[in-house]
């Protein structure tokens, strides 16, 4: 999913960051992710007509200290390969993730998005997500990236 990540963020992040994220670093991250038990975490994979992996989404309890991790899930990631944008795969992944969240007993979902990512923000807003005013600076790549939080109550629109 490096290609989808790069497609989503190229032009929105400094180029130096793209040198840090490659297939090997992502493979290492996912190997560590799957090595530990993660209660109430789910991952979905979208498959293209060719059988190739075209997208993914993953959720788990919110990491935000100001939200209740028993009732609020977090959409950690949703990515679709740019080659498959506008085919409905992102919407399908979102529907599956929201159904999974509800099945796990969560009543609300939160996510963080770059404040400059107009495409992603429009996608979330079209599904009923709203910004709750929370913002943070993510420096996990060594450079400051401003993110804003969106939330969705599960009894409302779901994609």
N, C-alpha and C. Protein backbone atom coordinates (compact mmCIF):
# COMPACT_ATOMS: atom_id res chain seq x y z
N UNK A 1 0.81 -1.18 0.00
CA UNK A 1 0.00 0.00 0.00
C UNK A 1 0.86 1.26 0.00
N UNK A 2 2.14 1.09 -0.22
CA UNK A 2 3.03 2.25 -0.31
C UNK A 2 2.59 3.15 -1.47
N UNK A 3 2.19 2.55 -2.59
CA UNK A 3 1.77 3.33 -3.75
C UNK A 3 0.54 4.17 -3.42
N UNK A 4 -0.42 3.58 -2.71
CA UNK A 4 -1.63 4.35 -2.37
C UNK A 4 -1.31 5.45 -1.37
N UNK A 5 -0.44 5.16 -0.40
CA UNK A 5 -0.04 6.16 0.58
C UNK A 5 0.66 7.32 -0.13
N UNK A 6 1.58 6.99 -1.02
CA UNK A 6 2.30 8.03 -1.74
C UNK A 6 1.36 8.83 -2.63
N UNK A 7 0.43 8.14 -3.31
CA UNK A 7 -0.53 8.84 -4.15
C UNK A 7 -1.39 9.81 -3.37
N UNK A 8 -1.74 9.42 -2.15
CA UNK A 8 -2.59 10.27 -1.31
C UNK A 8 -1.85 11.50 -0.81
N UNK A 9 -0.55 11.37 -0.55
CA UNK A 9 0.17 12.44 0.14
C UNK A 9 1.20 13.19 -0.68
N UNK A 10 1.53 12.72 -1.88
CA UNK A 10 2.51 13.44 -2.70
C UNK A 10 1.98 14.84 -2.98
N UNK A 11 2.78 15.84 -2.69
CA UNK A 11 2.37 17.22 -2.87
C UNK A 11 1.79 17.84 -1.59
N UNK A 12 1.43 16.98 -0.61
CA UNK A 12 0.89 17.48 0.65
C UNK A 12 1.91 17.40 1.77
N UNK A 13 2.97 16.62 1.54
CA UNK A 13 4.03 16.45 2.54
C UNK A 13 5.36 16.77 1.88
N UNK A 14 6.33 17.17 2.66
CA UNK A 14 7.67 17.41 2.09
C UNK A 14 8.23 16.13 1.45
N UNK A 15 8.95 16.28 0.35
CA UNK A 15 9.50 15.14 -0.38
C UNK A 15 10.40 14.25 0.47
N UNK A 16 11.06 14.83 1.49
CA UNK A 16 11.96 14.04 2.34
C UNK A 16 11.23 12.87 3.00
N UNK A 17 9.96 13.06 3.29
CA UNK A 17 9.20 12.00 3.95
C UNK A 17 9.07 10.77 3.06
N UNK A 18 8.96 10.98 1.76
CA UNK A 18 8.78 9.85 0.84
C UNK A 18 10.03 8.98 0.73
N UNK A 19 11.16 9.54 1.12
CA UNK A 19 12.39 8.75 1.14
C UNK A 19 12.40 7.82 2.35
N UNK A 20 11.64 8.16 3.39
CA UNK A 20 11.59 7.34 4.61
C UNK A 20 10.58 6.20 4.52
N UNK A 21 9.58 6.35 3.68
CA UNK A 21 8.51 5.36 3.58
C UNK A 21 8.67 4.59 2.28
N UNK A 22 8.99 3.32 2.41
CA UNK A 22 9.12 2.47 1.24
C UNK A 22 8.57 1.09 1.58
N UNK A 23 8.63 0.20 0.62
CA UNK A 23 8.06 -1.14 0.81
C UNK A 23 8.67 -1.83 2.03
N UNK A 24 9.99 -1.76 2.19
CA UNK A 24 10.66 -2.45 3.29
C UNK A 24 10.25 -1.88 4.65
N UNK A 25 10.18 -0.55 4.77
CA UNK A 25 9.80 0.03 6.06
C UNK A 25 8.34 -0.28 6.40
N UNK A 26 7.47 -0.26 5.39
CA UNK A 26 6.07 -0.59 5.65
C UNK A 26 5.91 -2.08 5.99
N UNK A 27 6.64 -2.95 5.31
CA UNK A 27 6.59 -4.37 5.61
C UNK A 27 7.02 -4.63 7.05
N UNK A 28 8.07 -3.96 7.48
CA UNK A 28 8.53 -4.08 8.86
C UNK A 28 7.45 -3.61 9.84
N UNK A 29 6.83 -2.48 9.54
CA UNK A 29 5.77 -1.96 10.41
C UNK A 29 4.60 -2.95 10.51
N UNK A 30 4.18 -3.51 9.38
CA UNK A 30 3.05 -4.45 9.40
C UNK A 30 3.44 -5.75 10.08
N UNK A 31 4.65 -6.22 9.91
CA UNK A 31 5.09 -7.43 10.62
C UNK A 31 5.04 -7.22 12.13
N UNK A 32 5.47 -6.06 12.60
CA UNK A 32 5.39 -5.76 14.03
C UNK A 32 3.94 -5.63 14.48
N UNK A 33 3.10 -5.05 13.63
CA UNK A 33 1.68 -4.89 13.95
C UNK A 33 1.02 -6.25 14.17
N UNK A 34 1.28 -7.19 13.26
CA UNK A 34 0.64 -8.51 13.34
C UNK A 34 1.29 -9.43 14.37
N UNK A 35 2.46 -9.07 14.87
CA UNK A 35 3.16 -9.92 15.84
C UNK A 35 2.53 -9.87 17.22
N UNK A 36 1.75 -8.84 17.50
CA UNK A 36 1.14 -8.67 18.82
C UNK A 36 -0.36 -8.87 18.72
N UNK A 37 -0.96 -9.47 19.76
CA UNK A 37 -2.43 -9.54 19.77
C UNK A 37 -3.01 -8.14 19.89
N UNK A 38 -4.02 -7.86 19.12
CA UNK A 38 -4.63 -6.53 19.13
C UNK A 38 -6.15 -6.69 19.23
N UNK A 39 -6.66 -6.76 20.46
CA UNK A 39 -8.11 -6.89 20.63
C UNK A 39 -8.85 -5.72 20.01
N UNK A 40 -9.96 -6.03 19.40
CA UNK A 40 -10.86 -5.05 18.79
C UNK A 40 -10.20 -4.27 17.66
N UNK A 41 -9.25 -4.88 16.97
CA UNK A 41 -8.64 -4.31 15.77
C UNK A 41 -9.06 -5.16 14.58
N UNK A 42 -9.38 -4.52 13.47
CA UNK A 42 -9.74 -5.23 12.25
C UNK A 42 -9.08 -4.56 11.05
N UNK A 43 -8.81 -5.37 10.03
CA UNK A 43 -8.24 -4.87 8.78
C UNK A 43 -9.05 -5.45 7.63
N UNK A 44 -9.32 -4.62 6.63
CA UNK A 44 -9.99 -5.06 5.41
C UNK A 44 -9.08 -4.79 4.23
N UNK A 45 -9.14 -5.68 3.26
CA UNK A 45 -8.36 -5.55 2.03
C UNK A 45 -9.34 -5.48 0.86
N UNK A 46 -9.14 -4.54 -0.05
CA UNK A 46 -9.94 -4.43 -1.26
C UNK A 46 -9.15 -5.05 -2.41
N UNK A 47 -9.84 -5.87 -3.16
CA UNK A 47 -9.21 -6.56 -4.28
C UNK A 47 -9.74 -5.98 -5.59
N UNK A 48 -8.82 -5.70 -6.52
CA UNK A 48 -9.20 -5.24 -7.85
C UNK A 48 -9.73 -6.42 -8.66
N UNK A 49 -10.38 -6.13 -9.76
CA UNK A 49 -10.91 -7.18 -10.63
C UNK A 49 -9.81 -8.15 -11.07
N UNK A 50 -8.58 -7.66 -11.16
CA UNK A 50 -7.45 -8.49 -11.57
C UNK A 50 -6.98 -9.43 -10.47
N UNK A 51 -7.47 -9.22 -9.25
CA UNK A 51 -7.04 -10.02 -8.11
C UNK A 51 -5.95 -9.36 -7.30
N UNK A 52 -5.42 -8.24 -7.77
CA UNK A 52 -4.37 -7.51 -7.05
C UNK A 52 -4.98 -6.76 -5.86
N UNK A 53 -4.19 -6.59 -4.82
CA UNK A 53 -4.63 -5.77 -3.70
C UNK A 53 -4.70 -4.32 -4.16
N UNK A 54 -5.86 -3.70 -3.96
CA UNK A 54 -6.07 -2.34 -4.45
C UNK A 54 -6.32 -1.35 -3.33
N UNK A 55 -6.55 -1.84 -2.10
CA UNK A 55 -6.81 -0.91 -1.01
C UNK A 55 -6.88 -1.62 0.32
N UNK A 56 -6.92 -0.84 1.37
CA UNK A 56 -7.02 -1.40 2.73
C UNK A 56 -7.59 -0.36 3.68
N UNK A 57 -8.16 -0.88 4.75
CA UNK A 57 -8.63 -0.03 5.85
C UNK A 57 -8.36 -0.78 7.15
N UNK A 58 -8.03 -0.06 8.21
CA UNK A 58 -7.92 -0.72 9.51
C UNK A 58 -8.40 0.18 10.63
N UNK A 59 -8.98 -0.47 11.64
CA UNK A 59 -9.58 0.22 12.77
C UNK A 59 -9.17 -0.45 14.07
N UNK A 60 -9.40 0.25 15.15
CA UNK A 60 -9.19 -0.26 16.50
C UNK A 60 -9.70 0.78 17.47
N UNK A 61 -9.56 0.53 18.76
CA UNK A 61 -9.99 1.52 19.75
C UNK A 61 -9.20 2.82 19.57
N UNK A 62 -9.85 3.94 19.80
CA UNK A 62 -9.19 5.23 19.66
C UNK A 62 -7.94 5.31 20.55
N UNK A 63 -6.94 6.00 20.06
CA UNK A 63 -5.73 6.27 20.83
C UNK A 63 -5.81 7.62 21.53
N UNK A 64 -6.86 8.38 21.25
CA UNK A 64 -7.00 9.72 21.80
C UNK A 64 -7.40 9.66 23.27
N UNK A 65 -6.64 10.34 24.10
CA UNK A 65 -6.87 10.32 25.56
C UNK A 65 -8.16 11.04 25.95
N UNK A 66 -8.64 11.95 25.11
CA UNK A 66 -9.86 12.68 25.46
C UNK A 66 -11.14 11.96 25.02
N UNK A 67 -11.00 10.78 24.41
CA UNK A 67 -12.15 10.00 23.99
C UNK A 67 -12.13 8.65 24.71
N UNK A 68 -13.29 8.05 24.86
CA UNK A 68 -13.44 6.77 25.56
C UNK A 68 -13.15 5.61 24.60
N UNK A 69 -12.05 4.92 24.81
CA UNK A 69 -11.66 3.83 23.90
C UNK A 69 -12.58 2.61 23.99
N UNK A 70 -13.47 2.58 24.96
CA UNK A 70 -14.46 1.50 25.01
C UNK A 70 -15.59 1.72 24.02
N UNK A 71 -15.91 2.98 23.75
CA UNK A 71 -17.04 3.27 22.86
C UNK A 71 -16.64 3.95 21.56
N UNK A 72 -15.42 4.50 21.49
CA UNK A 72 -14.98 5.21 20.29
C UNK A 72 -13.86 4.44 19.61
N UNK A 73 -14.09 4.10 18.35
CA UNK A 73 -13.05 3.45 17.53
C UNK A 73 -12.29 4.52 16.78
N UNK A 74 -11.17 4.12 16.20
CA UNK A 74 -10.40 5.02 15.34
C UNK A 74 -10.18 4.33 14.00
N UNK A 75 -10.44 5.06 12.95
CA UNK A 75 -10.08 4.61 11.61
C UNK A 75 -8.63 5.04 11.43
N UNK A 76 -7.72 4.07 11.56
CA UNK A 76 -6.29 4.38 11.49
C UNK A 76 -5.85 4.70 10.07
N UNK A 77 -6.41 3.97 9.11
CA UNK A 77 -6.00 4.15 7.72
C UNK A 77 -7.08 3.64 6.79
N UNK A 78 -7.21 4.32 5.66
CA UNK A 78 -8.00 3.84 4.55
C UNK A 78 -7.29 4.35 3.30
N UNK A 79 -6.81 3.43 2.50
CA UNK A 79 -6.04 3.78 1.31
C UNK A 79 -6.50 2.94 0.14
N UNK A 80 -6.52 3.57 -1.03
CA UNK A 80 -6.80 2.88 -2.29
C UNK A 80 -5.71 3.30 -3.26
N UNK A 81 -5.18 2.32 -3.99
CA UNK A 81 -4.16 2.59 -4.99
C UNK A 81 -4.71 3.63 -5.97
N UNK A 82 -3.94 4.67 -6.31
CA UNK A 82 -4.44 5.70 -7.22
C UNK A 82 -4.96 5.15 -8.54
N UNK A 83 -4.43 4.03 -8.97
CA UNK A 83 -4.91 3.40 -10.20
C UNK A 83 -6.39 2.99 -10.09
N UNK A 84 -6.88 2.87 -8.86
CA UNK A 84 -8.26 2.43 -8.64
C UNK A 84 -9.12 3.49 -7.95
N UNK A 85 -8.65 4.73 -7.93
CA UNK A 85 -9.46 5.80 -7.37
C UNK A 85 -10.72 5.97 -8.21
N UNK A 86 -11.75 6.40 -7.57
CA UNK A 86 -13.04 6.69 -8.21
C UNK A 86 -13.74 5.45 -8.78
N UNK A 87 -13.40 4.28 -8.25
CA UNK A 87 -14.08 3.04 -8.65
C UNK A 87 -15.03 2.55 -7.54
N UNK A 88 -15.10 3.27 -6.43
CA UNK A 88 -15.98 2.88 -5.33
C UNK A 88 -15.33 2.00 -4.28
N UNK A 89 -14.04 1.67 -4.45
CA UNK A 89 -13.37 0.80 -3.48
C UNK A 89 -13.21 1.48 -2.12
N UNK A 90 -12.92 2.77 -2.13
CA UNK A 90 -12.80 3.50 -0.86
C UNK A 90 -14.12 3.49 -0.11
N UNK A 91 -15.19 3.72 -0.82
CA UNK A 91 -16.52 3.71 -0.19
C UNK A 91 -16.83 2.31 0.34
N UNK A 92 -16.51 1.27 -0.43
CA UNK A 92 -16.74 -0.11 0.02
C UNK A 92 -15.93 -0.42 1.28
N UNK A 93 -14.68 0.02 1.32
CA UNK A 93 -13.86 -0.18 2.50
C UNK A 93 -14.44 0.56 3.70
N UNK A 94 -14.92 1.77 3.48
CA UNK A 94 -15.49 2.55 4.56
C UNK A 94 -16.74 1.86 5.12
N UNK A 95 -17.61 1.39 4.25
CA UNK A 95 -18.82 0.70 4.70
C UNK A 95 -18.45 -0.53 5.52
N UNK A 96 -17.50 -1.32 5.01
CA UNK A 96 -17.08 -2.53 5.75
C UNK A 96 -16.48 -2.16 7.10
N UNK A 97 -15.66 -1.12 7.14
CA UNK A 97 -15.04 -0.71 8.40
C UNK A 97 -16.09 -0.24 9.40
N UNK A 98 -17.05 0.53 8.96
CA UNK A 98 -18.09 1.02 9.86
C UNK A 98 -18.98 -0.11 10.36
N UNK A 99 -19.26 -1.07 9.50
CA UNK A 99 -20.02 -2.24 9.95
C UNK A 99 -19.22 -3.04 10.97
N UNK A 100 -17.92 -3.20 10.73
CA UNK A 100 -17.05 -3.91 11.67
C UNK A 100 -16.96 -3.21 13.01
N UNK A 101 -16.85 -1.90 12.98
CA UNK A 101 -16.80 -1.10 14.20
C UNK A 101 -18.07 -1.32 15.03
N UNK A 102 -19.21 -1.27 14.37
CA UNK A 102 -20.49 -1.46 15.06
C UNK A 102 -20.57 -2.87 15.65
N UNK A 103 -20.12 -3.88 14.90
CA UNK A 103 -20.14 -5.26 15.39
C UNK A 103 -19.25 -5.44 16.61
N UNK A 104 -18.19 -4.64 16.72
CA UNK A 104 -17.30 -4.71 17.88
C UNK A 104 -17.85 -3.93 19.08
N UNK A 105 -18.99 -3.28 18.91
CA UNK A 105 -19.64 -2.59 20.02
C UNK A 105 -19.31 -1.12 20.16
N UNK A 106 -18.58 -0.56 19.22
CA UNK A 106 -18.29 0.87 19.26
C UNK A 106 -19.53 1.65 18.82
N UNK A 107 -19.69 2.85 19.34
CA UNK A 107 -20.83 3.68 18.97
C UNK A 107 -20.42 4.92 18.18
N UNK A 108 -19.12 5.14 18.08
CA UNK A 108 -18.61 6.31 17.37
C UNK A 108 -17.23 5.97 16.81
N UNK A 109 -16.84 6.70 15.76
CA UNK A 109 -15.53 6.49 15.14
C UNK A 109 -14.87 7.87 14.95
N UNK A 110 -13.57 7.91 15.17
CA UNK A 110 -12.78 9.12 14.94
C UNK A 110 -11.66 8.80 13.96
N UNK A 111 -11.13 9.81 13.32
CA UNK A 111 -9.97 9.65 12.45
C UNK A 111 -9.22 10.96 12.41
N UNK A 112 -7.96 10.88 12.02
CA UNK A 112 -7.12 12.07 11.84
C UNK A 112 -6.74 12.18 10.37
N UNK A 113 -6.78 13.39 9.84
CA UNK A 113 -6.47 13.64 8.43
C UNK A 113 -5.64 14.91 8.34
N UNK A 114 -4.71 14.93 7.39
CA UNK A 114 -3.95 16.16 7.15
C UNK A 114 -4.91 17.30 6.86
N UNK A 115 -4.67 18.44 7.46
CA UNK A 115 -5.58 19.57 7.23
C UNK A 115 -5.55 20.02 5.77
N UNK A 116 -4.49 19.74 5.04
CA UNK A 116 -4.37 20.14 3.64
C UNK A 116 -4.88 19.08 2.66
N UNK A 117 -5.36 17.95 3.15
CA UNK A 117 -5.78 16.86 2.27
C UNK A 117 -7.25 17.04 1.88
N UNK A 118 -7.48 17.94 0.93
CA UNK A 118 -8.84 18.28 0.52
C UNK A 118 -9.59 17.08 -0.04
N UNK A 119 -8.91 16.21 -0.78
CA UNK A 119 -9.57 15.03 -1.36
C UNK A 119 -10.11 14.12 -0.26
N UNK A 120 -9.29 13.81 0.73
CA UNK A 120 -9.71 12.94 1.82
C UNK A 120 -10.81 13.60 2.64
N UNK A 121 -10.66 14.87 2.93
CA UNK A 121 -11.66 15.57 3.72
C UNK A 121 -13.01 15.56 3.01
N UNK A 122 -13.02 15.77 1.71
CA UNK A 122 -14.28 15.73 0.95
C UNK A 122 -14.88 14.33 0.99
N UNK A 123 -14.02 13.31 0.89
CA UNK A 123 -14.50 11.92 0.97
C UNK A 123 -15.19 11.66 2.31
N UNK A 124 -14.53 12.04 3.40
CA UNK A 124 -15.12 11.81 4.73
C UNK A 124 -16.40 12.63 4.91
N UNK A 125 -16.37 13.88 4.52
CA UNK A 125 -17.55 14.73 4.68
C UNK A 125 -18.73 14.21 3.88
N UNK A 126 -18.47 13.64 2.71
CA UNK A 126 -19.57 13.08 1.91
C UNK A 126 -20.19 11.87 2.59
N UNK A 127 -19.47 11.25 3.52
CA UNK A 127 -19.99 10.12 4.27
C UNK A 127 -20.58 10.50 5.61
N UNK A 128 -20.70 11.80 5.88
CA UNK A 128 -21.32 12.25 7.12
C UNK A 128 -20.37 12.57 8.25
N UNK A 129 -19.06 12.41 8.03
CA UNK A 129 -18.07 12.74 9.05
C UNK A 129 -18.00 14.26 9.20
N UNK A 130 -17.73 14.72 10.43
CA UNK A 130 -17.55 16.15 10.67
C UNK A 130 -16.32 16.38 11.54
N UNK A 131 -15.66 17.49 11.29
CA UNK A 131 -14.52 17.87 12.11
C UNK A 131 -15.04 18.30 13.47
N UNK A 132 -14.37 17.84 14.53
CA UNK A 132 -14.82 18.22 15.88
C UNK A 132 -13.99 19.36 16.45
N UNK A 133 -13.10 19.95 15.64
CA UNK A 133 -12.30 21.09 16.08
C UNK A 133 -10.96 20.71 16.69
N UNK A 134 -10.74 19.42 16.97
CA UNK A 134 -9.45 19.00 17.54
C UNK A 134 -8.39 19.02 16.44
N UNK A 135 -7.19 19.42 16.81
CA UNK A 135 -6.06 19.47 15.88
C UNK A 135 -4.80 19.05 16.63
N UNK A 136 -3.85 18.54 15.88
CA UNK A 136 -2.57 18.17 16.47
C UNK A 136 -1.49 18.27 15.40
N UNK A 137 -0.26 18.28 15.85
CA UNK A 137 0.88 18.27 14.95
C UNK A 137 1.54 16.91 15.10
N UNK A 138 1.59 16.16 14.01
CA UNK A 138 2.21 14.84 13.99
C UNK A 138 3.66 15.02 13.52
N UNK A 139 4.60 14.57 14.33
CA UNK A 139 6.01 14.66 13.96
C UNK A 139 6.64 13.29 13.83
N UNK A 140 5.80 12.27 13.56
CA UNK A 140 6.32 10.90 13.49
C UNK A 140 7.28 10.68 12.32
N UNK A 141 7.25 11.57 11.32
CA UNK A 141 8.18 11.47 10.20
C UNK A 141 9.34 12.43 10.35
N UNK A 142 9.43 13.10 11.50
CA UNK A 142 10.52 14.03 11.75
C UNK A 142 10.24 15.44 11.28
N UNK A 143 9.11 15.65 10.67
CA UNK A 143 8.72 16.99 10.22
C UNK A 143 7.28 17.24 10.69
N UNK A 144 6.94 18.47 11.05
CA UNK A 144 5.59 18.73 11.56
C UNK A 144 4.53 18.67 10.46
N UNK A 145 3.48 17.87 10.73
CA UNK A 145 2.34 17.77 9.82
C UNK A 145 1.08 18.04 10.65
N UNK A 146 0.30 19.02 10.24
CA UNK A 146 -0.91 19.40 11.00
C UNK A 146 -2.07 18.51 10.58
N UNK A 147 -2.72 17.91 11.57
CA UNK A 147 -3.87 17.05 11.32
C UNK A 147 -5.07 17.55 12.10
N UNK A 148 -6.25 17.25 11.56
CA UNK A 148 -7.48 17.59 12.24
C UNK A 148 -8.29 16.30 12.42
N UNK A 149 -9.12 16.30 13.45
CA UNK A 149 -9.89 15.10 13.76
C UNK A 149 -11.31 15.22 13.22
N UNK A 150 -11.76 14.11 12.65
CA UNK A 150 -13.15 13.97 12.22
C UNK A 150 -13.78 12.87 13.06
N UNK A 151 -15.10 12.98 13.23
CA UNK A 151 -15.84 11.97 14.00
C UNK A 151 -17.16 11.64 13.30
N UNK A 152 -17.64 10.44 13.61
CA UNK A 152 -18.90 9.98 13.06
C UNK A 152 -19.60 9.12 14.10
N UNK A 153 -20.82 9.49 14.44
CA UNK A 153 -21.63 8.65 15.32
C UNK A 153 -22.25 7.56 14.46
N UNK A 154 -22.27 6.33 14.96
CA UNK A 154 -22.70 5.21 14.14
C UNK A 154 -24.20 5.14 13.90
N UNK A 155 -24.98 5.91 14.61
CA UNK A 155 -26.40 5.91 14.30
C UNK A 155 -26.73 6.91 13.21
N UNK A 156 -25.69 7.61 12.68
CA UNK A 156 -25.87 8.58 11.61
C UNK A 156 -25.49 7.96 10.28
N UNK A 157 -25.28 8.80 9.25
CA UNK A 157 -24.90 8.30 7.91
C UNK A 157 -23.61 7.50 7.99
N UNK A 158 -23.56 6.41 7.23
CA UNK A 158 -22.37 5.54 7.26
C UNK A 158 -21.86 5.29 5.86
N UNK A 159 -21.30 6.31 5.26
CA UNK A 159 -20.64 6.23 3.96
C UNK A 159 -21.52 6.38 2.80
